[in-house]
Amino acid sequence: MHSRYYATRFLTSVHEFRQLPPERGAEVAFAGRSNAGKSSALNAITRQKTLARISKTPGRTQLINFFQVEDERYLVDLPGYGYAKAPEAVRRHWRQLVECYLEQRRSLRGLFLLMDIRHPLTPLDRQLLDWCRQRRLPVHILLTKADKLKRGAALSTLQIVQRQLAAGYPQVSLQLFSAIEGTGLDEAHARLDEWLDYTATPPAPAAVES
């Protein structure tokens, strides 16, 4: 039923924490460095070309953007971090906004953290993982742009990152992902299904054991 994500639509943009929409249902957030391919991943997952704006200039996502999958189920695009050319005041505002969201948003079920497979686990990535660990928020990492490496090298990087995460971040899972080639879409959809409570749908009555 991955086609449910193909009708995802833009709902609203938020610049201040007080502007967040009411907490109803479940939502999954997407975060990552400003050049990690977050917009491309969102568009691939929803099979839409322009749902999330793609720009050649990093750091263009300066708001928290909400997208509605279905009633009471949402995808949330967080501002990209690590863009050094943004003014310090702007970067500080992004940081405070994201921290408040991660700490206080009760309807948040999990975080997709996107990392360029060629540059995984930067200090800023680890800082965000630390925030999630403190909140006990599950994290699923997409090692993006997997098409930039040969298959063997991509799998080797996946294993290395798995070992690095095993001790300090037990709440984290990860996978390979390529928006261009469609690598990892089924796995990403399955994790979204889990966090957005689609997998909790009860079976039809005829299939229920007595």
N, C-alpha and C. Protein backbone atom coordinates (compact mmCIF):
# COMPACT_ATOMS: atom_id res chain seq x y z
N MET A 1 0.82 -1.21 0.00
CA MET A 1 0.00 0.00 0.00
C MET A 1 0.86 1.26 0.00
N HIS A 2 2.02 1.20 -0.59
CA HIS A 2 2.90 2.36 -0.60
C HIS A 2 2.29 3.52 -1.38
N SER A 3 1.28 3.20 -2.22
CA SER A 3 0.64 4.25 -3.01
C SER A 3 -0.04 5.29 -2.12
N ARG A 4 -0.28 4.97 -0.86
CA ARG A 4 -0.89 5.96 0.04
C ARG A 4 -0.02 7.21 0.16
N TYR A 5 1.28 7.04 -0.01
CA TYR A 5 2.18 8.19 0.11
C TYR A 5 2.19 9.06 -1.15
N TYR A 6 1.66 8.54 -2.24
CA TYR A 6 1.73 9.27 -3.50
C TYR A 6 0.74 10.43 -3.55
N ALA A 7 -0.23 10.45 -2.64
CA ALA A 7 -1.19 11.56 -2.59
C ALA A 7 -0.84 12.57 -1.50
N THR A 8 0.35 12.45 -0.94
CA THR A 8 0.78 13.40 0.10
C THR A 8 0.72 14.82 -0.44
N ARG A 9 0.24 15.73 0.40
CA ARG A 9 0.11 17.13 -0.04
C ARG A 9 0.68 18.07 1.00
N PHE A 10 1.11 19.23 0.54
CA PHE A 10 1.63 20.26 1.44
C PHE A 10 0.50 20.77 2.33
N LEU A 11 0.81 20.95 3.62
CA LEU A 11 -0.20 21.42 4.56
C LEU A 11 0.10 22.84 5.04
N THR A 12 1.29 23.05 5.63
CA THR A 12 1.62 24.38 6.14
C THR A 12 3.10 24.49 6.42
N SER A 13 3.58 25.72 6.52
CA SER A 13 4.96 26.00 6.92
C SER A 13 4.96 26.77 8.23
N VAL A 14 5.98 26.51 9.06
CA VAL A 14 6.03 27.07 10.40
C VAL A 14 7.38 27.74 10.61
N HIS A 15 7.36 28.97 11.12
CA HIS A 15 8.59 29.70 11.41
C HIS A 15 8.85 29.79 12.90
N GLU A 16 7.80 29.66 13.71
CA GLU A 16 7.91 29.73 15.16
C GLU A 16 7.23 28.52 15.77
N PHE A 17 7.73 28.09 16.93
CA PHE A 17 7.19 26.90 17.57
C PHE A 17 5.70 27.05 17.86
N ARG A 18 5.28 28.25 18.23
CA ARG A 18 3.87 28.48 18.58
C ARG A 18 2.95 28.33 17.36
N GLN A 19 3.51 28.31 16.16
CA GLN A 19 2.71 28.18 14.95
C GLN A 19 2.46 26.72 14.54
N LEU A 20 3.02 25.79 15.28
CA LEU A 20 2.84 24.38 14.93
C LEU A 20 1.36 24.01 14.92
N PRO A 21 0.95 23.18 13.98
CA PRO A 21 -0.46 22.75 13.95
C PRO A 21 -0.79 21.89 15.16
N PRO A 22 -2.08 21.75 15.49
CA PRO A 22 -2.48 20.93 16.64
C PRO A 22 -1.93 19.51 16.52
N GLU A 23 -1.63 18.92 17.66
CA GLU A 23 -1.09 17.56 17.68
C GLU A 23 -2.22 16.55 17.61
N ARG A 24 -2.38 15.98 16.43
CA ARG A 24 -3.39 14.94 16.23
C ARG A 24 -2.76 13.83 15.41
N GLY A 25 -2.91 12.61 15.86
CA GLY A 25 -2.38 11.49 15.10
C GLY A 25 -0.89 11.32 15.27
N ALA A 26 -0.22 10.98 14.16
CA ALA A 26 1.21 10.65 14.20
C ALA A 26 1.94 11.39 13.08
N GLU A 27 3.20 11.72 13.35
CA GLU A 27 4.01 12.37 12.33
C GLU A 27 5.44 11.85 12.40
N VAL A 28 6.11 11.85 11.25
CA VAL A 28 7.50 11.44 11.14
C VAL A 28 8.27 12.60 10.53
N ALA A 29 9.38 12.97 11.17
CA ALA A 29 10.17 14.11 10.71
C ALA A 29 11.37 13.64 9.89
N PHE A 30 11.83 14.53 9.00
CA PHE A 30 13.01 14.29 8.18
C PHE A 30 14.02 15.39 8.47
N ALA A 31 15.25 14.99 8.77
CA ALA A 31 16.30 15.96 9.09
C ALA A 31 17.59 15.53 8.43
N GLY A 32 18.53 16.47 8.35
CA GLY A 32 19.83 16.15 7.78
C GLY A 32 20.57 17.41 7.39
N ARG A 33 21.83 17.24 7.07
CA ARG A 33 22.62 18.37 6.59
C ARG A 33 21.97 18.94 5.33
N SER A 34 22.24 20.22 5.09
CA SER A 34 21.54 20.91 4.02
C SER A 34 21.85 20.37 2.63
N ASN A 35 22.88 19.55 2.49
CA ASN A 35 23.21 18.97 1.18
C ASN A 35 23.10 17.45 1.17
N ALA A 36 22.30 16.91 2.08
CA ALA A 36 22.22 15.45 2.20
C ALA A 36 21.17 14.83 1.27
N GLY A 37 20.40 15.65 0.56
CA GLY A 37 19.41 15.11 -0.36
C GLY A 37 18.05 14.88 0.28
N LYS A 38 17.72 15.70 1.28
CA LYS A 38 16.45 15.51 2.00
C LYS A 38 15.24 15.75 1.10
N SER A 39 15.26 16.83 0.33
CA SER A 39 14.12 17.13 -0.54
C SER A 39 13.95 16.04 -1.60
N SER A 40 15.06 15.59 -2.16
CA SER A 40 15.00 14.53 -3.17
C SER A 40 14.42 13.25 -2.58
N ALA A 41 14.78 12.93 -1.35
CA ALA A 41 14.27 11.73 -0.70
C ALA A 41 12.76 11.84 -0.46
N LEU A 42 12.31 12.98 0.02
CA LEU A 42 10.87 13.17 0.24
C LEU A 42 10.10 13.04 -1.06
N ASN A 43 10.63 13.62 -2.12
CA ASN A 43 9.95 13.52 -3.42
C ASN A 43 9.93 12.09 -3.93
N ALA A 44 11.02 11.34 -3.72
CA ALA A 44 11.06 9.95 -4.16
C ALA A 44 10.08 9.10 -3.37
N ILE A 45 10.03 9.30 -2.07
CA ILE A 45 9.14 8.52 -1.20
C ILE A 45 7.68 8.76 -1.54
N THR A 46 7.36 9.98 -1.92
CA THR A 46 5.97 10.33 -2.26
C THR A 46 5.69 10.26 -3.76
N ARG A 47 6.70 9.90 -4.53
CA ARG A 47 6.61 9.81 -5.99
C ARG A 47 6.05 11.11 -6.59
N GLN A 48 6.61 12.21 -6.12
CA GLN A 48 6.24 13.52 -6.63
C GLN A 48 7.53 14.30 -6.93
N LYS A 49 7.47 15.14 -7.94
CA LYS A 49 8.67 15.84 -8.37
C LYS A 49 8.90 17.14 -7.62
N THR A 50 7.83 17.76 -7.13
CA THR A 50 7.97 19.11 -6.57
C THR A 50 7.31 19.25 -5.20
N LEU A 51 7.01 18.14 -4.52
CA LEU A 51 6.41 18.27 -3.19
C LEU A 51 7.36 19.04 -2.28
N ALA A 52 8.60 18.60 -2.21
CA ALA A 52 9.64 19.33 -1.47
C ALA A 52 10.51 20.05 -2.48
N ARG A 53 10.74 21.32 -2.25
CA ARG A 53 11.50 22.13 -3.20
C ARG A 53 12.98 21.73 -3.19
N ILE A 54 13.51 21.44 -4.37
CA ILE A 54 14.92 21.09 -4.52
C ILE A 54 15.66 22.31 -5.05
N SER A 55 16.75 22.65 -4.40
CA SER A 55 17.52 23.81 -4.81
C SER A 55 18.99 23.44 -4.92
N LYS A 56 19.69 24.08 -5.84
CA LYS A 56 21.13 23.88 -5.95
C LYS A 56 21.87 24.63 -4.85
N THR A 57 21.16 25.52 -4.16
CA THR A 57 21.76 26.29 -3.07
C THR A 57 21.40 25.63 -1.74
N PRO A 58 22.36 25.08 -0.98
CA PRO A 58 22.05 24.44 0.30
C PRO A 58 21.44 25.43 1.27
N GLY A 59 20.64 24.89 2.20
CA GLY A 59 20.11 25.71 3.27
C GLY A 59 18.85 26.48 2.94
N ARG A 60 18.17 26.12 1.84
CA ARG A 60 16.99 26.88 1.44
C ARG A 60 15.78 26.57 2.33
N THR A 61 15.73 25.37 2.93
CA THR A 61 14.62 25.04 3.81
C THR A 61 14.83 25.72 5.16
N GLN A 62 14.15 26.85 5.37
CA GLN A 62 14.33 27.62 6.59
C GLN A 62 13.14 27.51 7.52
N LEU A 63 12.14 26.74 7.12
CA LEU A 63 10.92 26.58 7.90
C LEU A 63 10.72 25.10 8.20
N ILE A 64 9.83 24.80 9.14
CA ILE A 64 9.35 23.44 9.31
C ILE A 64 8.14 23.28 8.40
N ASN A 65 8.23 22.37 7.45
CA ASN A 65 7.16 22.16 6.48
C ASN A 65 6.40 20.87 6.80
N PHE A 66 5.08 20.98 6.88
CA PHE A 66 4.22 19.85 7.17
C PHE A 66 3.53 19.38 5.89
N PHE A 67 3.56 18.05 5.68
CA PHE A 67 2.88 17.44 4.56
C PHE A 67 1.91 16.39 5.11
N GLN A 68 0.71 16.37 4.57
CA GLN A 68 -0.31 15.44 5.05
C GLN A 68 -0.39 14.24 4.13
N VAL A 69 -0.20 13.05 4.71
CA VAL A 69 -0.33 11.80 3.96
C VAL A 69 -1.81 11.42 3.88
N GLU A 70 -2.43 11.31 5.03
CA GLU A 70 -3.86 11.08 5.18
C GLU A 70 -4.28 11.79 6.45
N ASP A 71 -5.54 11.68 6.83
CA ASP A 71 -6.00 12.29 8.06
C ASP A 71 -5.16 11.82 9.24
N GLU A 72 -4.62 12.77 9.98
CA GLU A 72 -3.86 12.51 11.20
C GLU A 72 -2.58 11.72 10.98
N ARG A 73 -2.03 11.81 9.76
CA ARG A 73 -0.73 11.21 9.46
C ARG A 73 0.06 12.20 8.62
N TYR A 74 1.28 12.55 9.10
CA TYR A 74 2.02 13.65 8.50
C TYR A 74 3.50 13.32 8.33
N LEU A 75 4.12 13.92 7.32
CA LEU A 75 5.56 13.96 7.16
C LEU A 75 6.00 15.39 7.42
N VAL A 76 7.12 15.55 8.13
CA VAL A 76 7.57 16.88 8.55
C VAL A 76 9.00 17.10 8.09
N ASP A 77 9.21 18.14 7.30
CA ASP A 77 10.53 18.47 6.76
C ASP A 77 11.16 19.54 7.65
N LEU A 78 12.22 19.18 8.35
CA LEU A 78 12.91 20.11 9.24
C LEU A 78 13.98 20.90 8.48
N PRO A 79 14.32 22.09 8.94
CA PRO A 79 15.36 22.88 8.28
C PRO A 79 16.68 22.12 8.23
N GLY A 80 17.35 22.18 7.09
CA GLY A 80 18.67 21.56 6.97
C GLY A 80 19.68 22.27 7.86
N TYR A 81 20.64 21.52 8.40
CA TYR A 81 21.63 22.13 9.28
C TYR A 81 23.02 22.03 8.67
N GLY A 82 23.92 22.83 9.19
CA GLY A 82 25.31 22.76 8.74
C GLY A 82 25.64 23.65 7.57
N TYR A 83 24.73 24.56 7.21
CA TYR A 83 25.02 25.46 6.09
C TYR A 83 25.74 26.69 6.61
N ALA A 84 27.05 26.73 6.44
CA ALA A 84 27.89 27.74 7.08
C ALA A 84 27.64 29.15 6.57
N LYS A 85 27.12 29.30 5.33
CA LYS A 85 26.93 30.63 4.77
C LYS A 85 25.69 31.33 5.31
N ALA A 86 24.83 30.62 5.99
CA ALA A 86 23.66 31.26 6.58
C ALA A 86 24.11 32.15 7.74
N PRO A 87 23.48 33.32 7.92
CA PRO A 87 23.84 34.20 9.05
C PRO A 87 23.70 33.46 10.38
N GLU A 88 24.55 33.82 11.34
CA GLU A 88 24.53 33.15 12.63
C GLU A 88 23.17 33.25 13.29
N ALA A 89 22.52 34.40 13.19
CA ALA A 89 21.21 34.55 13.81
C ALA A 89 20.19 33.59 13.20
N VAL A 90 20.28 33.37 11.89
CA VAL A 90 19.38 32.43 11.22
C VAL A 90 19.67 31.01 11.67
N ARG A 91 20.95 30.64 11.70
CA ARG A 91 21.31 29.28 12.13
C ARG A 91 20.88 29.04 13.58
N ARG A 92 21.02 30.04 14.42
CA ARG A 92 20.60 29.90 15.82
C ARG A 92 19.09 29.71 15.93
N HIS A 93 18.35 30.44 15.09
CA HIS A 93 16.89 30.28 15.10
C HIS A 93 16.51 28.88 14.64
N TRP A 94 17.14 28.39 13.54
CA TRP A 94 16.85 27.03 13.08
C TRP A 94 17.10 26.02 14.19
N ARG A 95 18.26 26.17 14.85
CA ARG A 95 18.64 25.21 15.89
C ARG A 95 17.62 25.21 17.03
N GLN A 96 17.22 26.37 17.48
CA GLN A 96 16.26 26.46 18.57
C GLN A 96 14.90 25.90 18.16
N LEU A 97 14.49 26.20 16.94
CA LEU A 97 13.20 25.70 16.46
C LEU A 97 13.19 24.18 16.39
N VAL A 98 14.25 23.60 15.84
CA VAL A 98 14.32 22.14 15.71
C VAL A 98 14.42 21.48 17.08
N GLU A 99 15.23 22.05 17.98
CA GLU A 99 15.37 21.48 19.31
C GLU A 99 14.04 21.49 20.05
N CYS A 100 13.31 22.59 19.97
CA CYS A 100 12.00 22.67 20.63
C CYS A 100 11.04 21.63 20.03
N TYR A 101 11.09 21.50 18.72
CA TYR A 101 10.21 20.53 18.07
C TYR A 101 10.53 19.11 18.53
N LEU A 102 11.80 18.74 18.50
CA LEU A 102 12.18 17.37 18.88
C LEU A 102 11.89 17.09 20.34
N GLU A 103 12.03 18.09 21.20
CA GLU A 103 11.85 17.87 22.63
C GLU A 103 10.38 17.85 23.04
N GLN A 104 9.54 18.62 22.37
CA GLN A 104 8.20 18.85 22.88
C GLN A 104 7.07 18.29 22.03
N ARG A 105 7.35 17.88 20.83
CA ARG A 105 6.27 17.43 19.94
C ARG A 105 5.87 16.01 20.31
N ARG A 106 4.75 15.85 20.94
CA ARG A 106 4.31 14.54 21.44
C ARG A 106 3.82 13.62 20.33
N SER A 107 3.36 14.17 19.23
CA SER A 107 2.87 13.34 18.13
C SER A 107 3.99 12.82 17.24
N LEU A 108 5.23 13.20 17.53
CA LEU A 108 6.37 12.76 16.74
C LEU A 108 6.70 11.31 17.08
N ARG A 109 6.65 10.42 16.08
CA ARG A 109 6.88 9.00 16.31
C ARG A 109 8.29 8.55 15.99
N GLY A 110 8.98 9.28 15.13
CA GLY A 110 10.33 8.88 14.76
C GLY A 110 10.94 9.90 13.83
N LEU A 111 12.25 9.80 13.65
CA LEU A 111 12.99 10.74 12.83
C LEU A 111 13.76 10.00 11.75
N PHE A 112 13.59 10.40 10.50
CA PHE A 112 14.44 9.96 9.40
C PHE A 112 15.62 10.93 9.35
N LEU A 113 16.81 10.43 9.57
CA LEU A 113 18.02 11.25 9.50
C LEU A 113 18.77 10.91 8.23
N LEU A 114 18.95 11.90 7.37
CA LEU A 114 19.58 11.67 6.09
C LEU A 114 21.04 12.08 6.13
N MET A 115 21.90 11.17 5.64
CA MET A 115 23.34 11.43 5.58
C MET A 115 23.85 11.03 4.20
N ASP A 116 24.62 11.88 3.60
CA ASP A 116 25.32 11.54 2.36
C ASP A 116 26.25 10.36 2.66
N ILE A 117 26.08 9.26 1.93
CA ILE A 117 26.85 8.05 2.21
C ILE A 117 28.36 8.29 2.13
N ARG A 118 28.76 9.32 1.43
CA ARG A 118 30.19 9.62 1.30
C ARG A 118 30.72 10.42 2.49
N HIS A 119 29.80 10.95 3.32
CA HIS A 119 30.20 11.75 4.48
C HIS A 119 29.27 11.47 5.66
N PRO A 120 29.23 10.23 6.15
CA PRO A 120 28.29 9.90 7.22
C PRO A 120 28.80 10.30 8.60
N LEU A 121 27.88 10.44 9.52
CA LEU A 121 28.19 10.67 10.94
C LEU A 121 29.12 11.86 11.16
N THR A 122 28.75 13.00 10.63
CA THR A 122 29.48 14.22 10.92
C THR A 122 29.21 14.63 12.36
N PRO A 123 29.99 15.54 12.93
CA PRO A 123 29.72 15.99 14.30
C PRO A 123 28.30 16.51 14.50
N LEU A 124 27.75 17.21 13.50
CA LEU A 124 26.38 17.70 13.62
C LEU A 124 25.36 16.55 13.59
N ASP A 125 25.64 15.51 12.79
CA ASP A 125 24.79 14.32 12.80
C ASP A 125 24.78 13.68 14.19
N ARG A 126 25.96 13.56 14.77
CA ARG A 126 26.05 12.94 16.09
C ARG A 126 25.36 13.80 17.16
N GLN A 127 25.43 15.10 17.01
CA GLN A 127 24.75 15.97 17.95
C GLN A 127 23.24 15.75 17.90
N LEU A 128 22.71 15.64 16.69
CA LEU A 128 21.28 15.38 16.56
C LEU A 128 20.92 14.00 17.11
N LEU A 129 21.77 13.01 16.87
CA LEU A 129 21.53 11.67 17.43
C LEU A 129 21.52 11.72 18.95
N ASP A 130 22.38 12.54 19.53
CA ASP A 130 22.40 12.68 20.99
C ASP A 130 21.08 13.26 21.49
N TRP A 131 20.57 14.26 20.80
CA TRP A 131 19.28 14.84 21.17
C TRP A 131 18.18 13.78 21.16
N CYS A 132 18.18 12.96 20.10
CA CYS A 132 17.15 11.93 19.97
C CYS A 132 17.31 10.85 21.04
N ARG A 133 18.54 10.52 21.37
CA ARG A 133 18.76 9.52 22.42
C ARG A 133 18.23 10.02 23.75
N GLN A 134 18.45 11.28 24.07
CA GLN A 134 17.94 11.84 25.33
C GLN A 134 16.42 11.81 25.37
N ARG A 135 15.80 12.02 24.24
CA ARG A 135 14.33 12.00 24.17
C ARG A 135 13.79 10.59 23.98
N ARG A 136 14.66 9.63 23.75
CA ARG A 136 14.29 8.25 23.44
C ARG A 136 13.44 8.19 22.18
N LEU A 137 13.83 9.00 21.22
CA LEU A 137 13.12 9.06 19.94
C LEU A 137 13.78 8.12 18.95
N PRO A 138 13.04 7.18 18.37
CA PRO A 138 13.64 6.28 17.37
C PRO A 138 14.13 7.05 16.16
N VAL A 139 15.26 6.60 15.61
CA VAL A 139 15.85 7.23 14.44
C VAL A 139 16.11 6.17 13.37
N HIS A 140 15.79 6.51 12.14
CA HIS A 140 16.10 5.65 10.99
C HIS A 140 16.95 6.46 10.03
N ILE A 141 18.17 6.00 9.78
CA ILE A 141 19.10 6.74 8.93
C ILE A 141 18.99 6.27 7.48
N LEU A 142 18.87 7.24 6.58
CA LEU A 142 18.99 6.97 5.16
C LEU A 142 20.38 7.40 4.72
N LEU A 143 21.19 6.45 4.30
CA LEU A 143 22.48 6.78 3.71
C LEU A 143 22.23 7.11 2.26
N THR A 144 22.05 8.40 1.98
CA THR A 144 21.59 8.85 0.67
C THR A 144 22.71 8.86 -0.36
N LYS A 145 22.28 9.04 -1.61
CA LYS A 145 23.21 9.11 -2.75
C LYS A 145 24.05 7.84 -2.87
N ALA A 146 23.41 6.71 -2.54
CA ALA A 146 24.12 5.43 -2.63
C ALA A 146 24.55 5.12 -4.05
N ASP A 147 23.90 5.75 -5.03
CA ASP A 147 24.27 5.55 -6.43
C ASP A 147 25.64 6.14 -6.76
N LYS A 148 26.18 6.97 -5.86
CA LYS A 148 27.48 7.58 -6.09
C LYS A 148 28.63 6.61 -5.82
N LEU A 149 28.32 5.48 -5.17
CA LEU A 149 29.33 4.47 -4.88
C LEU A 149 28.97 3.17 -5.58
N LYS A 150 29.98 2.35 -5.83
CA LYS A 150 29.70 1.02 -6.32
C LYS A 150 29.03 0.21 -5.22
N ARG A 151 28.31 -0.83 -5.64
CA ARG A 151 27.50 -1.59 -4.69
C ARG A 151 28.34 -2.10 -3.53
N GLY A 152 29.49 -2.66 -3.79
CA GLY A 152 30.34 -3.20 -2.74
C GLY A 152 30.79 -2.13 -1.77
N ALA A 153 31.17 -0.98 -2.28
CA ALA A 153 31.60 0.12 -1.42
C ALA A 153 30.46 0.66 -0.59
N ALA A 154 29.26 0.70 -1.17
CA ALA A 154 28.09 1.18 -0.43
C ALA A 154 27.76 0.23 0.73
N LEU A 155 27.80 -1.08 0.47
CA LEU A 155 27.52 -2.06 1.52
C LEU A 155 28.59 -2.01 2.61
N SER A 156 29.82 -1.80 2.22
CA SER A 156 30.90 -1.69 3.20
C SER A 156 30.69 -0.49 4.10
N THR A 157 30.30 0.65 3.52
CA THR A 157 30.03 1.84 4.33
C THR A 157 28.86 1.61 5.27
N LEU A 158 27.83 0.92 4.77
CA LEU A 158 26.68 0.60 5.62
C LEU A 158 27.11 -0.20 6.84
N GLN A 159 27.96 -1.19 6.65
CA GLN A 159 28.42 -2.02 7.76
C GLN A 159 29.29 -1.23 8.73
N ILE A 160 30.13 -0.35 8.22
CA ILE A 160 30.98 0.47 9.08
C ILE A 160 30.13 1.37 9.97
N VAL A 161 29.14 2.04 9.38
CA VAL A 161 28.27 2.93 10.15
C VAL A 161 27.45 2.14 11.16
N GLN A 162 27.01 0.94 10.79
CA GLN A 162 26.28 0.09 11.74
C GLN A 162 27.12 -0.20 12.97
N ARG A 163 28.38 -0.53 12.77
CA ARG A 163 29.27 -0.83 13.90
C ARG A 163 29.49 0.42 14.75
N GLN A 164 29.63 1.57 14.13
CA GLN A 164 29.86 2.80 14.88
C GLN A 164 28.64 3.19 15.72
N LEU A 165 27.46 2.83 15.26
CA LEU A 165 26.23 3.20 15.96
C LEU A 165 25.83 2.20 17.04
N ALA A 166 26.30 0.98 16.92
CA ALA A 166 25.79 -0.11 17.74
C ALA A 166 25.88 0.16 19.24
N ALA A 167 27.00 0.69 19.69
CA ALA A 167 27.19 0.86 21.13
C ALA A 167 26.45 2.07 21.69
N GLY A 168 26.55 3.21 21.01
CA GLY A 168 26.02 4.42 21.59
C GLY A 168 24.61 4.78 21.23
N TYR A 169 24.08 4.20 20.15
CA TYR A 169 22.75 4.61 19.67
C TYR A 169 21.90 3.38 19.33
N PRO A 170 21.48 2.63 20.33
CA PRO A 170 20.73 1.40 20.07
C PRO A 170 19.36 1.64 19.46
N GLN A 171 18.84 2.89 19.53
CA GLN A 171 17.52 3.18 19.00
C GLN A 171 17.56 3.51 17.51
N VAL A 172 18.73 3.37 16.89
CA VAL A 172 18.92 3.79 15.50
C VAL A 172 19.00 2.58 14.57
N SER A 173 18.27 2.66 13.45
CA SER A 173 18.40 1.70 12.36
C SER A 173 18.86 2.47 11.13
N LEU A 174 19.30 1.74 10.10
CA LEU A 174 19.80 2.45 8.92
C LEU A 174 19.69 1.59 7.68
N GLN A 175 19.80 2.26 6.53
CA GLN A 175 19.68 1.58 5.24
C GLN A 175 20.37 2.41 4.17
N LEU A 176 20.58 1.78 3.01
CA LEU A 176 21.05 2.48 1.83
C LEU A 176 19.86 3.13 1.14
N PHE A 177 20.10 4.27 0.49
CA PHE A 177 19.01 4.96 -0.20
C PHE A 177 19.55 5.75 -1.38
N SER A 178 18.83 5.69 -2.48
CA SER A 178 19.14 6.52 -3.65
C SER A 178 17.83 7.02 -4.25
N ALA A 179 17.64 8.32 -4.23
CA ALA A 179 16.45 8.90 -4.84
C ALA A 179 16.47 8.73 -6.36
N ILE A 180 17.65 8.71 -6.94
CA ILE A 180 17.77 8.61 -8.40
C ILE A 180 17.43 7.21 -8.88
N GLU A 181 17.97 6.19 -8.22
CA GLU A 181 17.77 4.81 -8.66
C GLU A 181 16.61 4.11 -7.95
N GLY A 182 16.05 4.73 -6.91
CA GLY A 182 14.95 4.12 -6.17
C GLY A 182 15.41 3.09 -5.16
N THR A 183 16.69 3.04 -4.90
CA THR A 183 17.23 2.09 -3.93
C THR A 183 16.68 2.39 -2.54
N GLY A 184 16.14 1.36 -1.88
CA GLY A 184 15.71 1.50 -0.49
C GLY A 184 14.32 2.07 -0.29
N LEU A 185 13.55 2.28 -1.35
CA LEU A 185 12.22 2.87 -1.19
C LEU A 185 11.28 1.95 -0.40
N ASP A 186 11.30 0.66 -0.71
CA ASP A 186 10.42 -0.26 0.01
C ASP A 186 10.73 -0.27 1.50
N GLU A 187 12.01 -0.28 1.84
CA GLU A 187 12.42 -0.30 3.24
C GLU A 187 12.01 1.00 3.95
N ALA A 188 12.17 2.12 3.26
CA ALA A 188 11.77 3.40 3.85
C ALA A 188 10.26 3.45 4.05
N HIS A 189 9.49 2.97 3.07
CA HIS A 189 8.04 2.95 3.21
C HIS A 189 7.61 2.05 4.38
N ALA A 190 8.29 0.92 4.54
CA ALA A 190 7.94 0.01 5.64
C ALA A 190 8.16 0.67 6.99
N ARG A 191 9.24 1.45 7.13
CA ARG A 191 9.48 2.12 8.41
C ARG A 191 8.44 3.22 8.64
N LEU A 192 8.08 3.93 7.59
CA LEU A 192 7.02 4.93 7.72
C LEU A 192 5.70 4.27 8.12
N ASP A 193 5.38 3.14 7.49
CA ASP A 193 4.15 2.42 7.85
C ASP A 193 4.13 2.09 9.34
N GLU A 194 5.27 1.66 9.85
CA GLU A 194 5.36 1.30 11.27
C GLU A 194 5.12 2.50 12.15
N TRP A 195 5.80 3.60 11.88
CA TRP A 195 5.71 4.77 12.75
C TRP A 195 4.40 5.53 12.60
N LEU A 196 3.78 5.45 11.44
CA LEU A 196 2.51 6.14 11.23
C LEU A 196 1.32 5.24 11.52
N ASP A 197 1.60 4.09 12.12
CA ASP A 197 0.56 3.18 12.63
C ASP A 197 -0.26 2.50 11.53
N TYR A 198 0.28 2.42 10.33
CA TYR A 198 -0.43 1.68 9.30
C TYR A 198 -0.34 0.17 9.54
N THR A 199 0.79 -0.28 10.08
CA THR A 199 0.95 -1.72 10.32
C THR A 199 0.09 -2.20 11.47
N ALA A 200 -0.45 -1.26 12.25
CA ALA A 200 -1.30 -1.64 13.39
C ALA A 200 -2.74 -1.87 12.98
N THR A 201 -3.06 -1.68 11.70
CA THR A 201 -4.43 -1.89 11.24
C THR A 201 -4.84 -3.33 11.46
N PRO A 202 -5.96 -3.60 12.15
CA PRO A 202 -6.34 -4.97 12.45
C PRO A 202 -6.73 -5.73 11.20
N PRO A 203 -6.55 -7.04 11.20
CA PRO A 203 -6.92 -7.84 10.04
C PRO A 203 -8.42 -7.88 9.84
N ALA A 204 -8.85 -8.27 8.65
CA ALA A 204 -10.27 -8.40 8.38
C ALA A 204 -10.88 -9.44 9.31
N PRO A 205 -12.16 -9.31 9.66
CA PRO A 205 -12.77 -10.24 10.63
C PRO A 205 -12.63 -11.70 10.23
N ALA A 206 -12.68 -12.00 8.94
CA ALA A 206 -12.60 -13.39 8.51
C ALA A 206 -11.24 -14.01 8.83
N ALA A 207 -10.24 -13.18 9.00
CA ALA A 207 -8.90 -13.70 9.24
C ALA A 207 -8.56 -13.79 10.71
N VAL A 208 -9.46 -13.31 11.56
CA VAL A 208 -9.19 -13.30 12.99
C VAL A 208 -9.46 -14.68 13.58
N GLU A 209 -8.49 -15.17 14.31
CA GLU A 209 -8.66 -16.48 14.94
C GLU A 209 -9.59 -16.36 16.13
N SER A 210 -10.34 -17.36 16.34
CA SER A 210 -11.28 -17.37 17.47
C SER A 210 -10.58 -17.77 18.75
